[in-house]
């Protein structure tokens, strides 16, 4: 198995993270489909959402990938979109989440 990516997440989000990651995987499938149709507007919308949600859930790398996807969609770069979508899936496959106590 490739190297794990350890991400520390607030334990208050522990109930939300599995569903969040399931939705992000579905988003990547939609990105691949939209890329095949050259629907850059849809790719841009999804990428923008990934960019915003990543950091909210503690996944800064996901935010950066969303930003890159959004930029690739803006310039209609099919190859970059496909590469970035694969990288996002790979990132999620390698995630190891460590829940940290809240800092309240």
N, C-alpha and C. Protein backbone atom coordinates (compact mmCIF):
# COMPACT_ATOMS: atom_id res chain seq x y z
N UNK A 1 0.84 -1.18 0.00
CA UNK A 1 0.00 0.00 0.00
C UNK A 1 0.88 1.24 0.00
N UNK A 2 0.50 2.25 -0.75
CA UNK A 2 1.28 3.49 -0.78
C UNK A 2 1.34 4.12 0.60
N UNK A 3 2.25 5.05 0.76
CA UNK A 3 2.38 5.75 2.04
C UNK A 3 1.05 6.34 2.47
N UNK A 4 0.79 6.21 3.76
CA UNK A 4 -0.43 6.78 4.32
C UNK A 4 -0.27 8.28 4.45
N UNK A 5 -1.37 8.98 4.38
CA UNK A 5 -1.42 10.42 4.60
C UNK A 5 -2.19 10.60 5.91
N UNK A 6 -1.47 11.02 6.93
CA UNK A 6 -2.10 11.19 8.24
C UNK A 6 -2.63 12.61 8.36
N UNK A 7 -3.92 12.70 8.68
CA UNK A 7 -4.57 13.99 8.86
C UNK A 7 -5.22 14.01 10.23
N UNK A 8 -4.89 15.04 11.00
CA UNK A 8 -5.50 15.20 12.31
C UNK A 8 -6.76 16.04 12.17
N UNK A 9 -7.85 15.51 12.71
CA UNK A 9 -9.16 16.15 12.58
C UNK A 9 -9.79 16.27 13.96
N UNK A 10 -10.49 17.34 14.18
CA UNK A 10 -11.19 17.56 15.44
C UNK A 10 -12.18 16.42 15.68
N UNK A 11 -12.14 15.84 16.86
CA UNK A 11 -13.02 14.70 17.17
C UNK A 11 -14.50 15.06 17.08
N UNK A 12 -14.83 16.34 17.18
CA UNK A 12 -16.24 16.75 17.04
C UNK A 12 -16.77 16.46 15.64
N UNK A 13 -15.87 16.27 14.69
CA UNK A 13 -16.28 15.99 13.31
C UNK A 13 -16.31 14.50 12.98
N UNK A 14 -16.01 13.67 13.96
CA UNK A 14 -15.87 12.23 13.70
C UNK A 14 -17.11 11.59 13.09
N UNK A 15 -18.28 12.07 13.44
CA UNK A 15 -19.51 11.51 12.87
C UNK A 15 -19.73 11.96 11.43
N UNK A 16 -19.14 13.09 11.07
CA UNK A 16 -19.36 13.67 9.75
C UNK A 16 -18.35 13.23 8.70
N UNK A 17 -17.16 12.88 9.12
CA UNK A 17 -16.07 12.61 8.18
C UNK A 17 -16.36 11.45 7.22
N UNK A 18 -16.85 10.31 7.68
CA UNK A 18 -17.11 9.23 6.71
C UNK A 18 -18.06 9.65 5.59
N UNK A 19 -19.14 10.31 5.93
CA UNK A 19 -20.09 10.77 4.92
C UNK A 19 -19.47 11.82 4.01
N UNK A 20 -18.68 12.71 4.60
CA UNK A 20 -18.00 13.74 3.81
C UNK A 20 -17.11 13.09 2.75
N UNK A 21 -16.31 12.12 3.17
CA UNK A 21 -15.40 11.46 2.22
C UNK A 21 -16.16 10.66 1.16
N UNK A 22 -17.25 10.06 1.54
CA UNK A 22 -18.10 9.35 0.57
C UNK A 22 -18.61 10.33 -0.48
N UNK A 23 -19.05 11.51 -0.04
CA UNK A 23 -19.54 12.52 -0.97
C UNK A 23 -18.42 13.05 -1.87
N UNK A 24 -17.22 13.18 -1.33
CA UNK A 24 -16.10 13.68 -2.15
C UNK A 24 -15.72 12.64 -3.21
N UNK A 25 -15.80 11.37 -2.86
CA UNK A 25 -15.55 10.33 -3.87
C UNK A 25 -16.60 10.39 -4.98
N UNK A 26 -17.84 10.60 -4.61
CA UNK A 26 -18.90 10.75 -5.61
C UNK A 26 -18.65 11.99 -6.46
N UNK A 27 -18.16 13.06 -5.85
CA UNK A 27 -17.83 14.27 -6.61
C UNK A 27 -16.75 13.98 -7.65
N UNK A 28 -15.77 13.17 -7.29
CA UNK A 28 -14.70 12.85 -8.24
C UNK A 28 -15.26 12.06 -9.42
N UNK A 29 -16.16 11.12 -9.16
CA UNK A 29 -16.80 10.38 -10.25
C UNK A 29 -17.53 11.35 -11.17
N UNK A 30 -18.24 12.30 -10.59
CA UNK A 30 -18.96 13.31 -11.37
C UNK A 30 -17.98 14.16 -12.17
N UNK A 31 -16.83 14.48 -11.59
CA UNK A 31 -15.82 15.25 -12.32
C UNK A 31 -15.34 14.47 -13.54
N UNK A 32 -15.07 13.18 -13.38
CA UNK A 32 -14.64 12.37 -14.52
C UNK A 32 -15.72 12.37 -15.62
N UNK A 33 -16.97 12.20 -15.21
CA UNK A 33 -18.07 12.21 -16.18
C UNK A 33 -18.19 13.57 -16.87
N UNK A 34 -18.10 14.63 -16.09
CA UNK A 34 -18.20 15.98 -16.65
C UNK A 34 -17.02 16.27 -17.57
N UNK A 35 -15.86 15.77 -17.22
CA UNK A 35 -14.67 15.98 -18.07
C UNK A 35 -14.85 15.29 -19.42
N UNK A 36 -15.45 14.11 -19.40
CA UNK A 36 -15.71 13.39 -20.65
C UNK A 36 -16.68 14.18 -21.53
N UNK A 37 -17.59 14.92 -20.92
CA UNK A 37 -18.56 15.74 -21.66
C UNK A 37 -18.04 17.16 -21.93
N UNK A 38 -16.86 17.43 -21.37
CA UNK A 38 -16.27 18.78 -21.44
C UNK A 38 -17.20 19.83 -20.81
N UNK A 39 -17.79 19.44 -19.70
CA UNK A 39 -18.67 20.34 -18.95
C UNK A 39 -17.84 21.03 -17.87
N UNK A 40 -17.11 22.04 -18.30
CA UNK A 40 -16.18 22.73 -17.41
C UNK A 40 -16.90 23.53 -16.33
N UNK A 41 -18.11 23.97 -16.61
CA UNK A 41 -18.87 24.70 -15.59
C UNK A 41 -19.17 23.78 -14.41
N UNK A 42 -19.60 22.55 -14.70
CA UNK A 42 -19.89 21.61 -13.61
C UNK A 42 -18.61 21.27 -12.85
N UNK A 43 -17.54 21.03 -13.57
CA UNK A 43 -16.26 20.73 -12.91
C UNK A 43 -15.87 21.89 -12.01
N UNK A 44 -16.01 23.10 -12.51
CA UNK A 44 -15.66 24.28 -11.73
C UNK A 44 -16.50 24.41 -10.47
N UNK A 45 -17.80 24.12 -10.57
CA UNK A 45 -18.69 24.20 -9.40
C UNK A 45 -18.27 23.18 -8.34
N UNK A 46 -18.02 21.96 -8.77
CA UNK A 46 -17.63 20.91 -7.82
C UNK A 46 -16.27 21.23 -7.21
N UNK A 47 -15.34 21.66 -8.04
CA UNK A 47 -14.00 21.99 -7.56
C UNK A 47 -14.06 23.13 -6.55
N UNK A 48 -14.90 24.11 -6.81
CA UNK A 48 -15.05 25.24 -5.89
C UNK A 48 -15.58 24.76 -4.54
N UNK A 49 -16.52 23.83 -4.57
CA UNK A 49 -17.08 23.27 -3.33
C UNK A 49 -16.01 22.48 -2.57
N UNK A 50 -15.23 21.68 -3.30
CA UNK A 50 -14.15 20.91 -2.67
C UNK A 50 -13.14 21.86 -2.02
N UNK A 51 -12.83 22.91 -2.74
CA UNK A 51 -11.88 23.91 -2.24
C UNK A 51 -12.39 24.50 -0.92
N UNK A 52 -13.66 24.81 -0.85
CA UNK A 52 -14.21 25.41 0.35
C UNK A 52 -14.39 24.43 1.49
N UNK A 53 -14.79 23.22 1.18
CA UNK A 53 -15.10 22.25 2.23
C UNK A 53 -13.86 21.59 2.82
N UNK A 54 -12.83 21.44 2.03
CA UNK A 54 -11.64 20.72 2.50
C UNK A 54 -11.11 21.24 3.82
N UNK A 55 -10.82 22.53 3.86
CA UNK A 55 -10.28 23.12 5.07
C UNK A 55 -11.29 23.09 6.22
N UNK A 56 -12.56 23.25 5.90
CA UNK A 56 -13.60 23.22 6.94
C UNK A 56 -13.58 21.90 7.71
N UNK A 57 -13.22 20.83 7.02
CA UNK A 57 -13.19 19.51 7.65
C UNK A 57 -11.79 19.09 8.08
N UNK A 58 -10.80 19.95 7.84
CA UNK A 58 -9.44 19.65 8.26
C UNK A 58 -8.54 19.06 7.19
N UNK A 59 -8.97 19.13 5.93
CA UNK A 59 -8.21 18.55 4.82
C UNK A 59 -7.66 19.66 3.92
N UNK A 60 -6.59 20.31 4.37
CA UNK A 60 -6.02 21.43 3.61
C UNK A 60 -5.53 20.99 2.23
N UNK A 61 -4.98 19.78 2.14
CA UNK A 61 -4.52 19.27 0.84
C UNK A 61 -5.68 19.16 -0.13
N UNK A 62 -6.83 18.74 0.36
CA UNK A 62 -8.01 18.64 -0.48
C UNK A 62 -8.41 20.03 -1.00
N UNK A 63 -8.29 21.03 -0.15
CA UNK A 63 -8.59 22.40 -0.56
C UNK A 63 -7.67 22.82 -1.70
N UNK A 64 -6.38 22.52 -1.57
CA UNK A 64 -5.42 22.87 -2.63
C UNK A 64 -5.74 22.14 -3.93
N UNK A 65 -6.13 20.88 -3.83
CA UNK A 65 -6.50 20.12 -5.02
C UNK A 65 -7.75 20.71 -5.66
N UNK A 66 -8.71 21.11 -4.84
CA UNK A 66 -9.91 21.75 -5.36
C UNK A 66 -9.57 23.04 -6.10
N UNK A 67 -8.65 23.82 -5.53
CA UNK A 67 -8.22 25.06 -6.17
C UNK A 67 -7.58 24.77 -7.54
N UNK A 68 -6.73 23.75 -7.58
CA UNK A 68 -6.08 23.39 -8.85
C UNK A 68 -7.09 22.88 -9.87
N UNK A 69 -8.05 22.08 -9.41
CA UNK A 69 -9.11 21.59 -10.29
C UNK A 69 -9.93 22.75 -10.86
N UNK A 70 -10.23 23.70 -10.01
CA UNK A 70 -11.01 24.86 -10.44
C UNK A 70 -10.25 25.65 -11.52
N UNK A 71 -8.95 25.79 -11.32
CA UNK A 71 -8.13 26.50 -12.31
C UNK A 71 -8.05 25.72 -13.63
N UNK A 72 -7.91 24.41 -13.54
CA UNK A 72 -7.85 23.58 -14.75
C UNK A 72 -9.16 23.66 -15.52
N UNK A 73 -10.28 23.66 -14.80
CA UNK A 73 -11.59 23.77 -15.46
C UNK A 73 -11.73 25.12 -16.13
N UNK A 74 -11.22 26.16 -15.50
CA UNK A 74 -11.35 27.52 -16.04
C UNK A 74 -10.64 27.67 -17.39
N UNK A 75 -9.57 26.90 -17.58
CA UNK A 75 -8.82 26.99 -18.85
C UNK A 75 -9.11 25.79 -19.76
N UNK A 76 -10.11 25.00 -19.39
CA UNK A 76 -10.57 23.85 -20.19
C UNK A 76 -9.43 22.85 -20.46
N UNK A 77 -8.67 22.54 -19.42
CA UNK A 77 -7.54 21.62 -19.54
C UNK A 77 -7.98 20.22 -19.13
N UNK A 78 -8.47 19.46 -20.12
CA UNK A 78 -8.98 18.10 -19.87
C UNK A 78 -7.95 17.22 -19.17
N UNK A 79 -6.72 17.26 -19.65
CA UNK A 79 -5.67 16.40 -19.10
C UNK A 79 -5.39 16.72 -17.64
N UNK A 80 -5.31 18.00 -17.32
CA UNK A 80 -5.05 18.40 -15.93
C UNK A 80 -6.22 18.01 -15.04
N UNK A 81 -7.44 18.19 -15.53
CA UNK A 81 -8.62 17.81 -14.73
C UNK A 81 -8.56 16.32 -14.41
N UNK A 82 -8.30 15.49 -15.41
CA UNK A 82 -8.24 14.04 -15.19
C UNK A 82 -7.12 13.67 -14.22
N UNK A 83 -5.97 14.27 -14.40
CA UNK A 83 -4.83 13.99 -13.51
C UNK A 83 -5.14 14.40 -12.08
N UNK A 84 -5.68 15.58 -11.91
CA UNK A 84 -6.00 16.07 -10.56
C UNK A 84 -7.09 15.24 -9.91
N UNK A 85 -8.07 14.81 -10.67
CA UNK A 85 -9.14 13.97 -10.12
C UNK A 85 -8.56 12.63 -9.64
N UNK A 86 -7.66 12.06 -10.44
CA UNK A 86 -6.99 10.81 -10.01
C UNK A 86 -6.16 11.03 -8.75
N UNK A 87 -5.47 12.17 -8.68
CA UNK A 87 -4.67 12.49 -7.50
C UNK A 87 -5.55 12.65 -6.26
N UNK A 88 -6.71 13.24 -6.45
CA UNK A 88 -7.63 13.41 -5.32
C UNK A 88 -8.12 12.05 -4.81
N UNK A 89 -8.46 11.15 -5.73
CA UNK A 89 -8.85 9.80 -5.32
C UNK A 89 -7.71 9.10 -4.59
N UNK A 90 -6.51 9.22 -5.13
CA UNK A 90 -5.34 8.60 -4.51
C UNK A 90 -5.13 9.15 -3.10
N UNK A 91 -5.27 10.45 -2.96
CA UNK A 91 -5.14 11.09 -1.64
C UNK A 91 -6.15 10.50 -0.67
N UNK A 92 -7.41 10.39 -1.08
CA UNK A 92 -8.44 9.85 -0.20
C UNK A 92 -8.19 8.38 0.12
N UNK A 93 -7.67 7.63 -0.85
CA UNK A 93 -7.36 6.22 -0.60
C UNK A 93 -6.28 6.05 0.46
N UNK A 94 -5.39 7.02 0.56
CA UNK A 94 -4.25 6.92 1.47
C UNK A 94 -4.49 7.56 2.83
N UNK A 95 -5.66 8.19 3.01
CA UNK A 95 -5.93 8.91 4.25
C UNK A 95 -5.96 8.00 5.47
N UNK A 96 -5.33 8.45 6.51
CA UNK A 96 -5.46 7.86 7.83
C UNK A 96 -5.84 9.02 8.75
N UNK A 97 -7.03 8.98 9.27
CA UNK A 97 -7.54 10.09 10.06
C UNK A 97 -7.30 9.81 11.53
N UNK A 98 -6.71 10.80 12.18
CA UNK A 98 -6.46 10.73 13.62
C UNK A 98 -7.31 11.83 14.26
N UNK A 99 -8.24 11.42 15.09
CA UNK A 99 -9.12 12.38 15.74
C UNK A 99 -8.46 12.97 16.97
N UNK A 100 -8.48 14.28 17.05
CA UNK A 100 -7.87 15.01 18.16
C UNK A 100 -8.96 15.61 19.04
N UNK A 101 -8.70 15.69 20.36
CA UNK A 101 -9.68 16.32 21.24
C UNK A 101 -9.93 17.77 20.83
N UNK A 102 -11.15 18.21 21.05
CA UNK A 102 -11.52 19.59 20.73
C UNK A 102 -10.69 20.55 21.56
N UNK A 103 -10.47 21.72 20.96
CA UNK A 103 -9.70 22.76 21.63
C UNK A 103 -10.62 23.83 22.20
N UNK A 104 -11.75 23.44 22.73
CA UNK A 104 -12.74 24.40 23.26
C UNK A 104 -12.23 25.09 24.49
